[in-house]
Every structure is written in C-alpha cells, then in structure tokens.
C-alpha cells in the first residue's frame, strides 16, 4: 500500500486494521449492489421465463412436500405459509396392534 495512503489512514483513525476492514466491506457491498443492478437490467433467460409464466405456475411445477423429513429428527415436516416449517401430521393407528 502506498505510504501516503497509510499516513492518511493513520491521521483519520488510530485503528488502521479496522478502518481498512470497514472500507473493504463497504466496497464489497457497493460491488454487490452494482452486480444486482446489472442483473436486473439484463436478467438471465430462465428468470425471464419464470416471470412470463408467473410465480403460481412455477410453484405448481415443484414437487409436493408430502415426503419431506427433518434431517435432525427424521420426522415428517410440511411448509405452512403462515408458520414456516412445522411437523407434518402423522397417521395415528386405530388400535395398538396397527403400525404407521
């Protein structure tokens, strides 16, 4: 790094590393925003297709969630629009001799 930049940073702050870290984060955020702007101006062909179909049609093509399991517990789960992921109802045997 050029000496005059280091000296200027040192005049601005007594924590050079923190100043440089903040500057790098700021620049990374700026570049991400610019990439997003470019992406919105020139969307990927598949994104345009999904937009043309409409979200409802796209969602209709997704597999159902009837066989999804929580990997931590091995229990069935379902997506509930107002609740998020929750335990799926399981069938309860009619008698103690029956299995699920």
N, C-alpha and C. Protein backbone atom coordinates (compact mmCIF):
# COMPACT_ATOMS: atom_id res chain seq x y z
N UNK A 1 0.85 -1.17 0.00
CA UNK A 1 0.00 0.00 0.00
C UNK A 1 0.90 1.23 0.00
N UNK A 2 0.58 2.22 -0.80
CA UNK A 2 1.43 3.43 -0.84
C UNK A 2 1.51 4.11 0.54
N UNK A 3 2.68 4.59 0.86
CA UNK A 3 2.95 5.19 2.17
C UNK A 3 2.02 6.37 2.45
N UNK A 4 1.75 7.19 1.44
CA UNK A 4 0.90 8.37 1.68
C UNK A 4 -0.53 7.96 2.06
N UNK A 5 -1.01 6.81 1.55
CA UNK A 5 -2.34 6.31 1.91
C UNK A 5 -2.33 5.84 3.36
N UNK A 6 -1.28 5.11 3.74
CA UNK A 6 -1.15 4.63 5.11
C UNK A 6 -1.12 5.81 6.08
N UNK A 7 -0.37 6.85 5.73
CA UNK A 7 -0.28 8.03 6.60
C UNK A 7 -1.62 8.73 6.71
N UNK A 8 -2.35 8.81 5.62
CA UNK A 8 -3.67 9.46 5.64
C UNK A 8 -4.64 8.66 6.51
N UNK A 9 -4.60 7.34 6.38
CA UNK A 9 -5.45 6.49 7.22
C UNK A 9 -5.10 6.70 8.69
N UNK A 10 -3.81 6.72 8.99
CA UNK A 10 -3.36 6.89 10.38
C UNK A 10 -3.78 8.26 10.94
N UNK A 11 -3.88 9.28 10.08
CA UNK A 11 -4.37 10.59 10.54
C UNK A 11 -5.87 10.53 10.86
N UNK A 12 -6.61 9.66 10.16
CA UNK A 12 -8.06 9.58 10.33
C UNK A 12 -8.46 8.71 11.52
N UNK A 13 -7.64 7.71 11.84
CA UNK A 13 -8.04 6.75 12.87
C UNK A 13 -6.82 6.19 13.57
N UNK A 14 -7.02 5.67 14.77
CA UNK A 14 -5.90 5.02 15.46
C UNK A 14 -5.99 3.50 15.33
N UNK A 15 -6.99 3.01 14.56
CA UNK A 15 -7.12 1.57 14.33
C UNK A 15 -7.13 1.32 12.81
N UNK A 16 -5.94 1.25 12.26
CA UNK A 16 -5.78 1.11 10.81
C UNK A 16 -6.46 -0.16 10.28
N UNK A 17 -6.30 -1.28 10.97
CA UNK A 17 -6.89 -2.54 10.51
C UNK A 17 -8.41 -2.44 10.43
N UNK A 18 -9.01 -1.86 11.46
CA UNK A 18 -10.47 -1.70 11.47
C UNK A 18 -10.93 -0.80 10.33
N UNK A 19 -10.20 0.29 10.10
CA UNK A 19 -10.54 1.22 9.03
C UNK A 19 -10.50 0.51 7.67
N UNK A 20 -9.44 -0.28 7.45
CA UNK A 20 -9.30 -0.99 6.17
C UNK A 20 -10.39 -2.05 6.04
N UNK A 21 -10.69 -2.77 7.10
CA UNK A 21 -11.77 -3.77 7.07
C UNK A 21 -13.10 -3.11 6.72
N UNK A 22 -13.42 -1.98 7.35
CA UNK A 22 -14.67 -1.27 7.05
C UNK A 22 -14.69 -0.80 5.59
N UNK A 23 -13.57 -0.32 5.10
CA UNK A 23 -13.51 0.14 3.71
C UNK A 23 -13.71 -1.01 2.73
N UNK A 24 -13.12 -2.15 3.02
CA UNK A 24 -13.27 -3.31 2.15
C UNK A 24 -14.72 -3.79 2.16
N UNK A 25 -15.33 -3.86 3.34
CA UNK A 25 -16.74 -4.26 3.42
C UNK A 25 -17.63 -3.31 2.62
N UNK A 26 -17.36 -2.02 2.77
CA UNK A 26 -18.14 -1.02 2.05
C UNK A 26 -18.01 -1.23 0.54
N UNK A 27 -16.80 -1.46 0.08
CA UNK A 27 -16.58 -1.66 -1.36
C UNK A 27 -17.22 -2.96 -1.85
N UNK A 28 -17.15 -4.03 -1.07
CA UNK A 28 -17.81 -5.28 -1.46
C UNK A 28 -19.32 -5.10 -1.56
N UNK A 29 -19.91 -4.39 -0.60
CA UNK A 29 -21.35 -4.11 -0.67
C UNK A 29 -21.69 -3.29 -1.91
N UNK A 30 -20.87 -2.30 -2.21
CA UNK A 30 -21.10 -1.47 -3.39
C UNK A 30 -21.06 -2.30 -4.67
N UNK A 31 -20.08 -3.19 -4.75
CA UNK A 31 -19.96 -4.03 -5.95
C UNK A 31 -21.12 -5.02 -6.06
N UNK A 32 -21.57 -5.57 -4.94
CA UNK A 32 -22.75 -6.47 -4.97
C UNK A 32 -23.98 -5.73 -5.47
N UNK A 33 -24.19 -4.52 -4.97
CA UNK A 33 -25.33 -3.72 -5.43
C UNK A 33 -25.24 -3.44 -6.93
N UNK A 34 -24.04 -3.14 -7.41
CA UNK A 34 -23.86 -2.88 -8.83
C UNK A 34 -24.13 -4.15 -9.65
N UNK A 35 -23.67 -5.30 -9.18
CA UNK A 35 -23.95 -6.56 -9.87
C UNK A 35 -25.46 -6.82 -9.92
N UNK A 36 -26.16 -6.52 -8.83
CA UNK A 36 -27.61 -6.69 -8.80
C UNK A 36 -28.28 -5.77 -9.82
N UNK A 37 -27.84 -4.50 -9.87
CA UNK A 37 -28.39 -3.57 -10.87
C UNK A 37 -28.19 -4.10 -12.29
N UNK A 38 -27.00 -4.60 -12.57
CA UNK A 38 -26.73 -5.15 -13.90
C UNK A 38 -27.60 -6.37 -14.18
N UNK A 39 -27.76 -7.21 -13.18
CA UNK A 39 -28.58 -8.40 -13.33
C UNK A 39 -30.04 -8.03 -13.59
N UNK A 40 -30.53 -7.00 -12.92
CA UNK A 40 -31.91 -6.58 -13.13
C UNK A 40 -32.11 -5.97 -14.51
N UNK A 41 -31.08 -5.31 -15.02
CA UNK A 41 -31.17 -4.74 -16.38
C UNK A 41 -31.07 -5.82 -17.45
N UNK A 42 -30.34 -6.89 -17.16
CA UNK A 42 -30.13 -7.98 -18.11
C UNK A 42 -30.40 -9.31 -17.43
N UNK A 43 -31.65 -9.64 -17.17
CA UNK A 43 -31.94 -10.87 -16.44
C UNK A 43 -31.54 -12.11 -17.21
N UNK A 44 -31.26 -13.16 -16.48
CA UNK A 44 -30.96 -14.47 -17.06
C UNK A 44 -32.19 -14.95 -17.82
N UNK A 45 -31.99 -15.66 -18.91
CA UNK A 45 -33.10 -16.11 -19.75
C UNK A 45 -34.12 -16.92 -18.96
N UNK A 46 -33.67 -17.79 -18.06
CA UNK A 46 -34.60 -18.59 -17.27
C UNK A 46 -35.41 -17.73 -16.31
N UNK A 47 -34.81 -16.67 -15.78
CA UNK A 47 -35.55 -15.78 -14.88
C UNK A 47 -36.66 -15.09 -15.64
N UNK A 48 -36.39 -14.69 -16.88
CA UNK A 48 -37.43 -14.06 -17.69
C UNK A 48 -38.55 -15.04 -17.97
N UNK A 49 -38.20 -16.30 -18.21
CA UNK A 49 -39.22 -17.32 -18.48
C UNK A 49 -40.11 -17.52 -17.26
N UNK A 50 -39.51 -17.58 -16.07
CA UNK A 50 -40.29 -17.74 -14.84
C UNK A 50 -41.22 -16.53 -14.67
N UNK A 51 -40.72 -15.34 -14.96
CA UNK A 51 -41.56 -14.15 -14.83
C UNK A 51 -42.73 -14.20 -15.81
N UNK A 52 -42.49 -14.71 -17.02
CA UNK A 52 -43.56 -14.81 -18.01
C UNK A 52 -44.61 -15.84 -17.57
N UNK A 53 -44.17 -16.94 -17.01
CA UNK A 53 -45.09 -17.99 -16.56
C UNK A 53 -45.94 -17.50 -15.41
N UNK A 54 -45.33 -16.73 -14.55
CA UNK A 54 -45.99 -16.32 -13.31
C UNK A 54 -45.53 -17.25 -12.20
N UNK A 55 -45.44 -16.71 -11.02
CA UNK A 55 -44.94 -17.47 -9.88
C UNK A 55 -45.83 -18.67 -9.56
N UNK A 56 -47.13 -18.50 -9.70
CA UNK A 56 -48.05 -19.60 -9.39
C UNK A 56 -47.80 -20.82 -10.24
N UNK A 57 -47.63 -20.61 -11.54
CA UNK A 57 -47.37 -21.75 -12.44
C UNK A 57 -46.03 -22.39 -12.11
N UNK A 58 -45.04 -21.54 -11.80
CA UNK A 58 -43.72 -22.08 -11.47
C UNK A 58 -43.82 -22.93 -10.20
N UNK A 59 -44.51 -22.44 -9.18
CA UNK A 59 -44.65 -23.19 -7.93
C UNK A 59 -45.41 -24.49 -8.15
N UNK A 60 -46.38 -24.46 -9.06
CA UNK A 60 -47.16 -25.66 -9.33
C UNK A 60 -46.28 -26.78 -9.88
N UNK A 61 -45.17 -26.43 -10.50
CA UNK A 61 -44.27 -27.43 -11.06
C UNK A 61 -43.31 -28.02 -10.05
N UNK A 62 -43.30 -27.49 -8.84
CA UNK A 62 -42.41 -28.02 -7.81
C UNK A 62 -42.98 -29.31 -7.23
N UNK A 63 -42.11 -30.21 -6.76
CA UNK A 63 -42.63 -31.44 -6.16
C UNK A 63 -43.37 -31.11 -4.87
N UNK A 64 -44.33 -31.97 -4.50
CA UNK A 64 -45.06 -31.71 -3.25
C UNK A 64 -44.15 -32.06 -2.07
N UNK A 65 -44.56 -31.62 -0.90
CA UNK A 65 -43.73 -31.80 0.28
C UNK A 65 -44.22 -32.94 1.17
N UNK A 66 -44.99 -33.85 0.62
CA UNK A 66 -45.59 -34.88 1.46
C UNK A 66 -44.57 -35.88 2.02
N UNK A 67 -43.42 -36.00 1.40
CA UNK A 67 -42.44 -36.99 1.87
C UNK A 67 -41.18 -36.35 2.45
N UNK A 68 -41.26 -35.08 2.87
CA UNK A 68 -40.08 -34.42 3.40
C UNK A 68 -39.88 -34.76 4.87
N UNK A 69 -38.60 -34.94 5.24
CA UNK A 69 -38.25 -35.25 6.62
C UNK A 69 -37.30 -34.20 7.16
N UNK A 70 -37.43 -33.89 8.44
CA UNK A 70 -36.48 -33.04 9.14
C UNK A 70 -35.21 -33.88 9.31
N UNK A 71 -34.08 -33.46 8.74
CA UNK A 71 -32.87 -34.29 8.83
C UNK A 71 -32.38 -34.50 10.26
N UNK A 72 -32.66 -33.57 11.17
CA UNK A 72 -32.19 -33.72 12.54
C UNK A 72 -33.00 -34.75 13.31
N UNK A 73 -34.32 -34.78 13.08
CA UNK A 73 -35.16 -35.67 13.88
C UNK A 73 -35.69 -36.86 13.10
N UNK A 74 -35.67 -36.78 11.77
CA UNK A 74 -36.24 -37.85 10.96
C UNK A 74 -37.76 -37.83 10.93
N UNK A 75 -38.37 -36.76 11.42
CA UNK A 75 -39.83 -36.66 11.46
C UNK A 75 -40.34 -35.94 10.21
N UNK A 76 -41.55 -36.28 9.78
CA UNK A 76 -42.13 -35.60 8.61
C UNK A 76 -42.36 -34.12 8.91
N UNK A 77 -42.13 -33.28 7.90
CA UNK A 77 -42.37 -31.84 8.01
C UNK A 77 -43.13 -31.35 6.79
N UNK A 78 -43.81 -30.24 6.96
CA UNK A 78 -44.54 -29.59 5.88
C UNK A 78 -44.32 -28.09 5.98
N UNK A 79 -44.39 -27.41 4.84
CA UNK A 79 -44.31 -25.96 4.82
C UNK A 79 -45.70 -25.39 5.00
N UNK A 80 -45.88 -24.57 6.02
CA UNK A 80 -47.15 -23.90 6.28
C UNK A 80 -46.95 -22.42 5.97
N UNK A 81 -47.67 -21.86 5.00
CA UNK A 81 -47.44 -20.47 4.60
C UNK A 81 -47.41 -19.47 5.74
N UNK A 82 -48.25 -19.62 6.74
CA UNK A 82 -48.28 -18.65 7.83
C UNK A 82 -47.35 -19.00 8.98
N UNK A 83 -46.79 -20.22 8.97
CA UNK A 83 -45.98 -20.67 10.10
C UNK A 83 -44.55 -21.03 9.73
N UNK A 84 -44.29 -21.36 8.48
CA UNK A 84 -42.98 -21.86 8.08
C UNK A 84 -42.98 -23.38 8.18
N UNK A 85 -41.82 -23.97 8.40
CA UNK A 85 -41.72 -25.43 8.51
C UNK A 85 -42.29 -25.88 9.84
N UNK A 86 -43.13 -26.91 9.79
CA UNK A 86 -43.69 -27.47 11.01
C UNK A 86 -43.84 -28.97 10.84
N UNK A 87 -44.04 -29.64 11.96
CA UNK A 87 -44.22 -31.09 11.92
C UNK A 87 -45.46 -31.42 11.12
N UNK A 88 -45.33 -32.40 10.24
CA UNK A 88 -46.47 -32.84 9.44
C UNK A 88 -47.31 -33.79 10.27
N UNK A 89 -48.62 -33.73 10.09
CA UNK A 89 -49.45 -34.69 10.82
C UNK A 89 -49.10 -36.11 10.39
N UNK A 90 -49.04 -36.98 11.35
CA UNK A 90 -48.79 -38.38 11.04
C UNK A 90 -50.07 -39.15 11.32
N UNK A 91 -50.24 -40.24 10.62
CA UNK A 91 -51.44 -41.04 10.88
C UNK A 91 -51.29 -41.73 12.21
N UNK A 92 -52.37 -41.76 12.96
CA UNK A 92 -52.38 -42.42 14.28
C UNK A 92 -53.08 -43.75 14.11
N UNK A 93 -52.46 -44.83 14.55
CA UNK A 93 -53.09 -46.15 14.40
C UNK A 93 -54.43 -46.20 15.14
N UNK A 94 -55.37 -46.95 14.55
CA UNK A 94 -56.68 -47.11 15.18
C UNK A 94 -56.60 -47.97 16.43
N UNK A 95 -55.68 -48.91 16.44
CA UNK A 95 -55.53 -49.77 17.61
C UNK A 95 -54.05 -49.96 17.89
N UNK A 96 -53.69 -50.34 19.10
CA UNK A 96 -52.28 -50.52 19.44
C UNK A 96 -51.56 -51.57 18.60
N UNK A 97 -52.30 -52.49 17.97
CA UNK A 97 -51.68 -53.52 17.17
C UNK A 97 -51.28 -53.03 15.78
N UNK A 98 -51.88 -51.90 15.32
CA UNK A 98 -51.58 -51.39 13.98
C UNK A 98 -50.33 -50.53 14.03
N UNK A 99 -49.61 -50.53 12.92
CA UNK A 99 -48.41 -49.71 12.80
C UNK A 99 -48.70 -48.56 11.85
N UNK A 100 -47.87 -47.47 11.89
CA UNK A 100 -48.00 -46.34 10.96
C UNK A 100 -47.69 -46.75 9.56
